[in-house]
Amino acid sequence: MPQRAIDTRVNPSDEIIATKGLTVRFLLTGDDSKGSIAAFELMVPAAQRLPAPAHSHDHYEETIYGIDGVLTWTVDGKQIDVGPGQALCIPRGAVHRFDNNGGEDAKMLCVITPAAIGPAYFREVFGVVDAAAGGPPDRARLAEIMRRHGLTPAAPPT
C-alpha cells in the first residue's frame, strides 16, 4: 500500500488560534508526522489563568519547554514552575493545568507524543471561551469538547 507523502518544510501547519490573550500557534500536526508528534507554541499573558478545567489524557504525553517567562504547571497537585530552557514531561494520566502567576508574558513549546490532539480542539474550546463574552465559559460544553478530543476533565477542587 503506498504511503502518503509528508510535506517536508518548516512549520507545515503554521496556524494561530487565539482567545482572551491565550494564543496557540501550531507548528506540526499529526497529519504532518504520520501521527507521531504534534508541536505548538503556547503564549500566555502575564497574570492569566487557564480558563478550562484541569484535565488528564491517557493516550499521549505532553512535554513543555520554556521559551519566555514562567508558567506554573500543577501536575497531580504539585506546582512546578517552568521557565526558559526548562522542560517538563507530563505523563499520561496525570491531572494538570497551568497559570501565569508572574508579571511577564510566557511562551512555551508544547510537544504531544503521539499526536493525539490538534488545532480542532483549540478552535472549539476557544469558541466556547469567546462565547462567554468575558464571563465564565460553559463548563459542561468545555467538558464535552475535552472528552471528544481525548482529554478527561478533572473533578472541581473541593
C-alpha atoms as a PDB file:
ATOM      1  CA  MET A   1       0.000   0.000   0.000  1.00  0.00           C
ATOM      2  CA  PRO A   2       1.501   3.398  -0.927  1.00  0.00           C
ATOM      3  CA  GLN A   3       2.257   5.726   1.960  1.00  0.00           C
ATOM      4  CA  ARG A   4       1.093   9.327   1.968  1.00  0.00           C
ATOM      5  CA  ALA A   5       3.966  11.679   1.264  1.00  0.00           C
ATOM      6  CA  ILE A   6       4.935  14.068   4.046  1.00  0.00           C
ATOM      7  CA  ASP A   7       5.248  17.736   3.121  1.00  0.00           C
ATOM      8  CA  THR A   8       8.827  18.319   4.305  1.00  0.00           C
ATOM      9  CA  ARG A   9       9.072  22.024   5.063  1.00  0.00           C
ATOM     10  CA  VAL A  10       9.369  24.377   8.021  1.00  0.00           C
ATOM     11  CA  ASN A  11       6.180  24.784  10.081  1.00  0.00           C
ATOM     12  CA  PRO A  12       3.895  22.888   7.692  1.00  0.00           C
ATOM     13  CA  SER A  13       0.858  23.531   9.907  1.00  0.00           C
ATOM     14  CA  ASP A  14       1.509  27.161  10.742  1.00  0.00           C
ATOM     15  CA  GLU A  15      -1.846  28.182  12.244  1.00  0.00           C
ATOM     16  CA  ILE A  16      -2.581  30.671  15.024  1.00  0.00           C
ATOM     17  CA  ILE A  17      -5.625  30.161  17.260  1.00  0.00           C
ATOM     18  CA  ALA A  18      -6.287  32.786  19.929  1.00  0.00           C
ATOM     19  CA  THR A  19      -8.750  33.924  22.591  1.00  0.00           C
ATOM     20  CA  LYS A  20      -8.655  36.344  25.515  1.00  0.00           C
ATOM     21  CA  GLY A  21      -4.887  36.702  25.345  1.00  0.00           C
ATOM     22  CA  LEU A  22      -4.143  32.968  25.072  1.00  0.00           C
ATOM     23  CA  THR A  23      -2.537  32.085  21.770  1.00  0.00           C
ATOM     24  CA  VAL A  24      -1.675  28.691  20.320  1.00  0.00           C
ATOM     25  CA  ARG A  25       0.481  28.514  17.202  1.00  0.00           C
ATOM     26  CA  PHE A  26       0.546  25.035  15.679  1.00  0.00           C
ATOM     27  CA  LEU A  27       3.825  24.142  14.011  1.00  0.00           C
ATOM     28  CA  LEU A  28       3.252  20.420  13.339  1.00  0.00           C
ATOM     29  CA  THR A  29       0.161  18.232  13.499  1.00  0.00           C
ATOM     30  CA  GLY A  30      -0.311  14.504  13.277  1.00  0.00           C
ATOM     31  CA  ASP A  31      -1.028  14.931   9.573  1.00  0.00           C
ATOM     32  CA  ASP A  32       2.492  16.311   9.155  1.00  0.00           C
ATOM     33  CA  SER A  33       4.178  13.470  11.062  1.00  0.00           C
ATOM     34  CA  LYS A  34       2.180  10.323  10.287  1.00  0.00           C
ATOM     35  CA  GLY A  35       0.687  10.672  13.767  1.00  0.00           C
ATOM     36  CA  SER A  36       3.931  10.562  15.715  1.00  0.00           C
ATOM     37  CA  ILE A  37       4.141  14.147  17.024  1.00  0.00           C
ATOM     38  CA  ALA A  38       2.290  17.449  17.260  1.00  0.00           C
ATOM     39  CA  ALA A  39       4.020  20.652  18.321  1.00  0.00           C
ATOM     40  CA  PHE A  40       2.675  24.100  19.137  1.00  0.00           C
ATOM     41  CA  GLU A  41       3.740  27.294  20.843  1.00  0.00           C
ATOM     42  CA  LEU A  42       1.596  28.417  23.760  1.00  0.00           C
ATOM     43  CA  MET A  43       1.599  32.123  24.613  1.00  0.00           C
ATOM     44  CA  VAL A  44       0.038  33.177  27.924  1.00  0.00           C
ATOM     45  CA  PRO A  45      -0.172  36.823  29.043  1.00  0.00           C
ATOM     46  CA  ALA A  46       1.032  37.907  32.469  1.00  0.00           C
ATOM     47  CA  ALA A  47      -1.405  37.084  35.305  1.00  0.00           C
ATOM     48  CA  GLN A  48      -3.563  34.854  33.044  1.00  0.00           C
ATOM     49  CA  ARG A  49      -5.233  31.724  34.432  1.00  0.00           C
ATOM     50  CA  LEU A  50      -6.244  28.755  32.301  1.00  0.00           C
ATOM     51  CA  PRO A  51      -9.986  29.148  31.556  1.00  0.00           C
ATOM     52  CA  ALA A  52     -10.538  25.390  31.037  1.00  0.00           C
ATOM     53  CA  PRO A  53     -10.610  22.869  33.889  1.00  0.00           C
ATOM     54  CA  ALA A  54      -7.626  20.784  34.898  1.00  0.00           C
ATOM     55  CA  HIS A  55      -7.502  17.589  32.876  1.00  0.00           C
ATOM     56  CA  SER A  56      -5.626  14.429  32.057  1.00  0.00           C
ATOM     57  CA  HIS A  57      -5.079  12.397  28.904  1.00  0.00           C
ATOM     58  CA  ASP A  58      -4.410   8.695  28.698  1.00  0.00           C
ATOM     59  CA  HIS A  59      -3.271   8.490  25.079  1.00  0.00           C
ATOM     60  CA  TYR A  60      -0.275  10.815  24.933  1.00  0.00           C
ATOM     61  CA  GLU A  61       2.493  12.558  26.827  1.00  0.00           C
ATOM     62  CA  GLU A  62       2.748  16.331  26.793  1.00  0.00           C
ATOM     63  CA  THR A  63       6.229  17.834  27.058  1.00  0.00           C
ATOM     64  CA  ILE A  64       6.562  21.537  27.837  1.00  0.00           C
ATOM     65  CA  TYR A  65       9.705  23.548  27.039  1.00  0.00           C
ATOM     66  CA  GLY A  66      10.037  27.105  28.379  1.00  0.00           C
ATOM     67  CA  ILE A  67      10.985  29.845  25.925  1.00  0.00           C
ATOM     68  CA  ASP A  68       9.989  33.126  27.659  1.00  0.00           C
ATOM     69  CA  GLY A  69       8.500  33.943  31.057  1.00  0.00           C
ATOM     70  CA  VAL A  70       7.349  31.362  33.594  1.00  0.00           C
ATOM     71  CA  LEU A  71       4.223  29.204  33.697  1.00  0.00           C
ATOM     72  CA  THR A  72       3.227  27.420  36.859  1.00  0.00           C
ATOM     73  CA  TRP A  73       2.037  23.929  35.972  1.00  0.00           C
ATOM     74  CA  THR A  74       0.098  21.998  38.581  1.00  0.00           C
ATOM     75  CA  VAL A  75       0.634  18.276  37.942  1.00  0.00           C
ATOM     76  CA  ASP A  76      -1.137  15.820  40.249  1.00  0.00           C
ATOM     77  CA  GLY A  77      -1.388  18.590  42.861  1.00  0.00           C
ATOM     78  CA  LYS A  78       2.286  19.609  42.709  1.00  0.00           C
ATOM     79  CA  GLN A  79       3.131  23.120  41.472  1.00  0.00           C
ATOM     80  CA  ILE A  80       6.092  23.261  39.082  1.00  0.00           C
ATOM     81  CA  ASP A  81       7.446  26.483  37.578  1.00  0.00           C
ATOM     82  CA  VAL A  82       8.736  26.124  34.017  1.00  0.00           C
ATOM     83  CA  GLY A  83      10.921  28.937  32.693  1.00  0.00           C
ATOM     84  CA  PRO A  84      13.245  29.500  29.752  1.00  0.00           C
ATOM     85  CA  GLY A  85      15.410  26.498  28.938  1.00  0.00           C
ATOM     86  CA  GLN A  86      13.477  24.146  31.231  1.00  0.00           C
ATOM     87  CA  ALA A  87      11.436  21.103  30.191  1.00  0.00           C
ATOM     88  CA  LEU A  88       8.608  19.245  31.914  1.00  0.00           C
ATOM     89  CA  CYS A  89       7.107  15.954  30.716  1.00  0.00           C
ATOM     90  CA  ILE A  90       3.513  15.437  31.819  1.00  0.00           C
ATOM     91  CA  PRO A  91       2.907  11.687  31.798  1.00  0.00           C
ATOM     92  CA  ARG A  92      -0.242  10.000  30.579  1.00  0.00           C
ATOM     93  CA  GLY A  93      -2.983  10.070  33.192  1.00  0.00           C
ATOM     94  CA  ALA A  94      -1.537  12.962  35.250  1.00  0.00           C
ATOM     95  CA  VAL A  95      -4.076  15.661  36.128  1.00  0.00           C
ATOM     96  CA  HIS A  96      -2.652  19.040  35.166  1.00  0.00           C
ATOM     97  CA  ARG A  97      -3.275  22.710  34.407  1.00  0.00           C
ATOM     98  CA  PHE A  98      -1.229  25.894  34.126  1.00  0.00           C
ATOM     99  CA  ASP A  99      -1.359  29.539  35.170  1.00  0.00           C
ATOM    100  CA  ASN A 100       0.855  32.520  34.525  1.00  0.00           C
ATOM    101  CA  ASN A 101       1.271  33.904  38.039  1.00  0.00           C
ATOM    102  CA  GLY A 102       4.003  36.339  37.022  1.00  0.00           C
ATOM    103  CA  GLY A 103       4.202  39.826  35.635  1.00  0.00           C
ATOM    104  CA  GLU A 104       5.737  38.741  32.314  1.00  0.00           C
ATOM    105  CA  ASP A 105       4.117  37.112  29.288  1.00  0.00           C
ATOM    106  CA  ALA A 106       5.102  33.456  28.895  1.00  0.00           C
ATOM    107  CA  LYS A 107       5.823  31.394  25.802  1.00  0.00           C
ATOM    108  CA  MET A 108       6.218  27.618  25.855  1.00  0.00           C
ATOM    109  CA  LEU A 109       6.751  24.932  23.237  1.00  0.00           C
ATOM    110  CA  CYS A 110       4.329  22.023  23.763  1.00  0.00           C
ATOM    111  CA  VAL A 111       5.076  18.654  22.181  1.00  0.00           C
ATOM    112  CA  ILE A 112       2.409  15.946  22.054  1.00  0.00           C
ATOM    113  CA  THR A 113       3.556  12.345  21.500  1.00  0.00           C
ATOM    114  CA  PRO A 114       1.896  10.654  19.750  1.00  0.00           C
ATOM    115  CA  ALA A 115      -0.076  13.409  18.003  1.00  0.00           C
ATOM    116  CA  ALA A 116      -3.480  12.655  19.543  1.00  0.00           C
ATOM    117  CA  ILE A 117      -4.672  16.280  19.637  1.00  0.00           C
ATOM    118  CA  GLY A 118      -4.621  19.056  17.072  1.00  0.00           C
ATOM    119  CA  PRO A 119      -5.893  22.511  16.136  1.00  0.00           C
ATOM    120  CA  ALA A 120      -9.576  21.463  16.039  1.00  0.00           C
ATOM    121  CA  TYR A 121      -9.580  21.045  19.834  1.00  0.00           C
ATOM    122  CA  PHE A 122      -8.303  24.574  20.437  1.00  0.00           C
ATOM    123  CA  ARG A 123     -10.669  26.097  17.855  1.00  0.00           C
ATOM    124  CA  GLU A 124     -13.639  24.538  19.647  1.00  0.00           C
ATOM    125  CA  VAL A 125     -12.516  25.367  23.199  1.00  0.00           C
ATOM    126  CA  PHE A 126     -11.573  28.946  22.311  1.00  0.00           C
ATOM    127  CA  GLY A 127     -15.001  29.312  20.644  1.00  0.00           C
ATOM    128  CA  VAL A 128     -16.664  28.471  23.978  1.00  0.00           C
ATOM    129  CA  VAL A 129     -14.398  30.919  25.815  1.00  0.00           C
ATOM    130  CA  ASP A 130     -15.181  33.660  23.279  1.00  0.00           C
ATOM    131  CA  ALA A 131     -18.935  32.967  23.526  1.00  0.00           C
ATOM    132  CA  ALA A 132     -18.782  33.641  27.275  1.00  0.00           C
ATOM    133  CA  ALA A 133     -18.083  37.316  26.448  1.00  0.00           C
ATOM    134  CA  GLY A 134     -15.850  37.840  29.479  1.00  0.00           C
ATOM    135  CA  GLY A 135     -17.906  35.698  31.849  1.00  0.00           C
ATOM    136  CA  PRO A 136     -17.107  32.156  32.903  1.00  0.00           C
ATOM    137  CA  PRO A 137     -17.172  29.706  29.981  1.00  0.00           C
ATOM    138  CA  ASP A 138     -19.813  26.969  29.818  1.00  0.00           C
ATOM    139  CA  ARG A 139     -18.027  24.239  31.785  1.00  0.00           C
ATOM    140  CA  ALA A 140     -20.370  21.479  30.601  1.00  0.00           C
ATOM    141  CA  ARG A 141     -19.661  22.399  26.972  1.00  0.00           C
ATOM    142  CA  LEU A 142     -15.905  22.577  27.657  1.00  0.00           C
ATOM    143  CA  ALA A 143     -16.038  19.131  29.291  1.00  0.00           C
ATOM    144  CA  GLU A 144     -17.895  17.677  26.297  1.00  0.00           C
ATOM    145  CA  ILE A 145     -15.304  19.068  23.855  1.00  0.00           C
ATOM    146  CA  MET A 146     -12.453  17.829  26.039  1.00  0.00           C
ATOM    147  CA  ARG A 147     -13.864  14.292  26.224  1.00  0.00           C
ATOM    148  CA  ARG A 148     -14.470  14.175  22.474  1.00  0.00           C
ATOM    149  CA  HIS A 149     -10.803  15.060  21.884  1.00  0.00           C
ATOM    150  CA  GLY A 150      -9.417  12.504  24.354  1.00  0.00           C
ATOM    151  CA  LEU A 151      -8.992  14.691  27.451  1.00  0.00           C
ATOM    152  CA  THR A 152     -10.605  13.848  30.778  1.00  0.00           C
ATOM    153  CA  PRO A 153     -11.718  16.881  32.801  1.00  0.00           C
ATOM    154  CA  ALA A 154     -10.746  16.664  36.452  1.00  0.00           C
ATOM    155  CA  ALA A 155     -13.350  16.994  39.169  1.00  0.00           C
ATOM    156  CA  PRO A 156     -13.512  20.535  40.571  1.00  0.00           C
ATOM    157  CA  PRO A 157     -11.406  21.010  43.713  1.00  0.00           C
ATOM    158  CA  THR A 158     -13.330  20.519  46.929  1.00  0.00           C
END
